[in-house]
Protein backbone atom coordinates (compact mmCIF):
# COMPACT_ATOMS: atom_id res chain seq x y z
CA MET A 1 99.09 87.49 116.45
CA THR A 2 95.33 87.43 117.01
CA SER A 3 93.09 90.46 116.97
CA ALA A 4 90.93 91.60 119.87
CA THR A 5 88.10 89.50 118.40
CA GLY A 6 90.27 86.38 118.43
CA TRP A 7 90.99 86.26 114.68
CA PRO A 8 93.07 85.01 112.98
CA VAL A 9 93.74 81.81 114.87
CA PRO A 10 96.23 78.93 114.54
CA ILE A 11 95.27 75.64 112.91
CA GLY A 12 94.48 73.84 116.18
CA ILE A 13 91.95 76.44 117.27
CA ALA A 14 90.46 76.70 113.76
CA ALA A 15 90.10 72.92 113.64
CA GLN A 16 88.48 72.84 117.06
CA ARG A 17 86.03 75.62 116.18
CA ALA A 18 85.11 73.84 112.95
CA GLY A 19 84.80 70.41 114.58
CA VAL A 20 87.50 68.75 112.49
CA SER A 21 91.08 67.65 113.11
CA ALA A 22 94.09 69.73 112.14
CA ARG A 23 95.07 66.89 109.82
CA MET A 24 91.75 67.26 107.99
CA VAL A 25 92.24 71.03 107.73
CA ARG A 26 95.57 70.42 106.01
CA HIS A 27 93.93 67.76 103.80
CA TYR A 28 91.15 70.13 102.74
CA GLU A 29 93.77 72.76 101.96
CA SER A 30 95.75 70.28 99.86
CA LEU A 31 92.58 69.51 97.87
CA GLY A 32 92.07 73.20 97.20
CA LEU A 33 88.85 73.43 99.22
CA LEU A 34 90.38 76.32 101.17
CA PRO A 35 92.41 79.10 99.62
CA PRO A 36 96.00 79.46 100.82
CA VAL A 37 95.81 80.89 104.32
CA GLY A 38 97.92 83.57 105.90
CA ARG A 39 101.00 82.59 107.80
CA THR A 40 102.94 84.07 110.65
CA ASP A 41 106.55 85.19 110.18
CA SER A 42 107.58 81.79 111.50
CA GLY A 43 105.40 79.99 108.93
CA TYR A 44 102.46 78.91 111.09
CA ARG A 45 99.07 78.90 109.38
CA GLN A 46 96.55 81.49 110.54
CA TYR A 47 92.81 81.11 109.89
CA THR A 48 90.17 83.79 109.71
CA GLU A 49 86.55 83.48 110.76
CA ALA A 50 85.56 83.05 107.09
CA GLU A 51 87.93 80.09 106.71
CA VAL A 52 86.60 78.45 109.86
CA HIS A 53 83.07 78.96 108.49
CA ALA A 54 84.15 77.25 105.26
CA LEU A 55 85.60 74.37 107.31
CA ARG A 56 82.24 74.00 109.08
CA PHE A 57 80.51 73.97 105.69
CA ILE A 58 82.87 71.20 104.51
CA ARG A 59 82.35 69.19 107.70
CA ARG A 60 78.56 69.40 107.37
CA ALA A 61 78.70 68.41 103.72
CA ARG A 62 80.91 65.42 104.65
CA ASP A 63 78.45 64.50 107.42
CA LEU A 64 75.76 64.34 104.71
CA GLY A 65 77.95 62.06 102.60
CA PHE A 66 78.83 64.38 99.74
CA SER A 67 82.03 63.48 97.87
CA MET A 68 84.99 65.82 97.89
CA ALA A 69 84.25 66.76 94.27
CA GLU A 70 80.63 67.56 95.18
CA ILE A 71 81.81 69.55 98.20
CA ALA A 72 84.19 71.56 96.02
CA THR A 73 81.32 72.40 93.68
CA LEU A 74 78.94 73.21 96.53
CA LEU A 75 81.56 75.34 98.24
CA GLY A 76 82.07 77.29 95.03
CA LEU A 77 78.32 77.77 94.68
CA TRP A 78 78.02 78.84 98.32
CA GLN A 79 80.67 81.47 97.78
CA ASP A 80 79.10 82.64 94.49
CA LYS A 81 76.34 85.06 95.45
CA ALA A 82 75.14 85.07 91.79
CA ARG A 83 74.58 81.30 91.80
CA ALA A 84 71.37 79.67 90.67
CA SER A 85 69.84 77.56 93.42
CA SER A 86 68.83 75.07 90.71
CA GLN A 87 72.49 74.04 90.47
CA VAL A 88 72.62 73.31 94.18
CA LYS A 89 69.32 71.43 94.09
CA SER A 90 70.53 69.33 91.16
CA ILE A 91 73.65 68.26 93.07
CA ALA A 92 71.62 67.47 96.19
CA GLN A 93 69.04 65.49 94.20
CA ALA A 94 71.76 63.45 92.47
CA HIS A 95 73.22 62.71 95.90
CA ILE A 96 69.79 61.65 97.19
CA ASP A 97 69.43 59.32 94.20
CA ASP A 98 72.87 57.83 94.85
CA LEU A 99 72.03 57.35 98.53
CA ALA A 100 68.77 55.60 97.61
CA THR A 101 70.66 53.21 95.32
CA ARG A 102 73.25 52.48 98.01
CA ILE A 103 70.54 51.98 100.66
CA ALA A 104 68.69 49.53 98.40
CA ALA A 105 71.92 47.58 97.84
CA MET A 106 72.58 47.45 101.59
CA GLN A 107 69.02 46.33 102.28
CA ALA A 108 69.47 43.53 99.72
CA MET A 109 72.68 42.51 101.51
CA GLN A 110 70.82 42.53 104.81
CA ARG A 111 68.01 40.33 103.43
CA THR A 112 70.54 37.88 102.00
CA LEU A 113 72.42 37.65 105.28
CA GLN A 114 69.20 37.27 107.25
CA SER A 115 68.18 34.41 104.99
CA LEU A 116 71.58 32.75 105.34
CA VAL A 117 71.53 33.13 109.12
CA GLN A 118 68.04 31.57 109.24
CA CYS A 119 69.30 28.62 107.16
CA CYS A 120 72.27 28.03 109.43
CA HIS A 121 71.64 25.66 112.31
CA GLY A 122 74.28 27.37 114.43
CA ASP A 123 75.16 24.13 116.18
CA ASP A 124 78.23 21.91 116.50
CA ARG A 125 77.90 20.51 112.97
CA PRO A 126 80.44 21.74 110.41
CA ASP A 127 77.99 22.40 107.55
CA CYS A 128 77.13 26.06 107.28
CA PRO A 129 75.10 27.72 104.50
CA ILE A 130 76.73 31.06 105.29
CA LEU A 131 80.19 29.73 104.49
CA ASP A 132 78.81 27.77 101.53
CA ASP A 133 77.39 30.98 100.08
CA LEU A 134 80.60 32.92 100.65
CA ALA A 135 82.60 30.16 98.96
CA ALA A 136 80.21 29.80 95.99
CA VAL A 137 81.86 30.50 92.66
CA GLY A 138 79.81 32.22 90.02
CA ASP A 139 77.83 35.32 89.35
CA GLY A 140 76.85 36.00 92.95
CA ALA A 141 73.56 34.13 92.67
CA ALA A 142 72.34 31.98 95.52
CA PRO A 143 73.63 28.39 95.61
CA ALA A 144 71.44 25.87 93.85
CA GLY A 145 68.22 25.16 95.69
CA LYS A 146 68.43 28.21 97.94
CA SER A 147 66.36 31.32 97.66
CA LEU A 148 67.84 34.32 99.40
CA SER A 149 65.14 36.94 98.90
């Protein structure tokens, strides 16, 4: 039963208010990101405003690309009013560094593909440097005679 303020609420409403699916709510619970929630006499989960707020926190952290392990740590820090902000900053900075590395790798992939596309005639002939590169055996270097940077 919900209170006059609308709390607690069933999983569907909690999920909607948090902007996630009910399946993800159950997943986050199974990972221990949410404490066990109250249940009705018939066994249905009931979520409080604090739990919906935690779900929003998790969704935002996922939107920013944090891993589940990082989210668990951040969630713990968020709930710990005696935390040191330096811990939070350290996690965020490590995530920024990881994103920069991944972005650089994706930009290198983009440059390689752009080079391969420029080398391909894109006509009715069967020879294709894109397929040749994909089929090349070795350490991932460009085929002989081709510069991909």
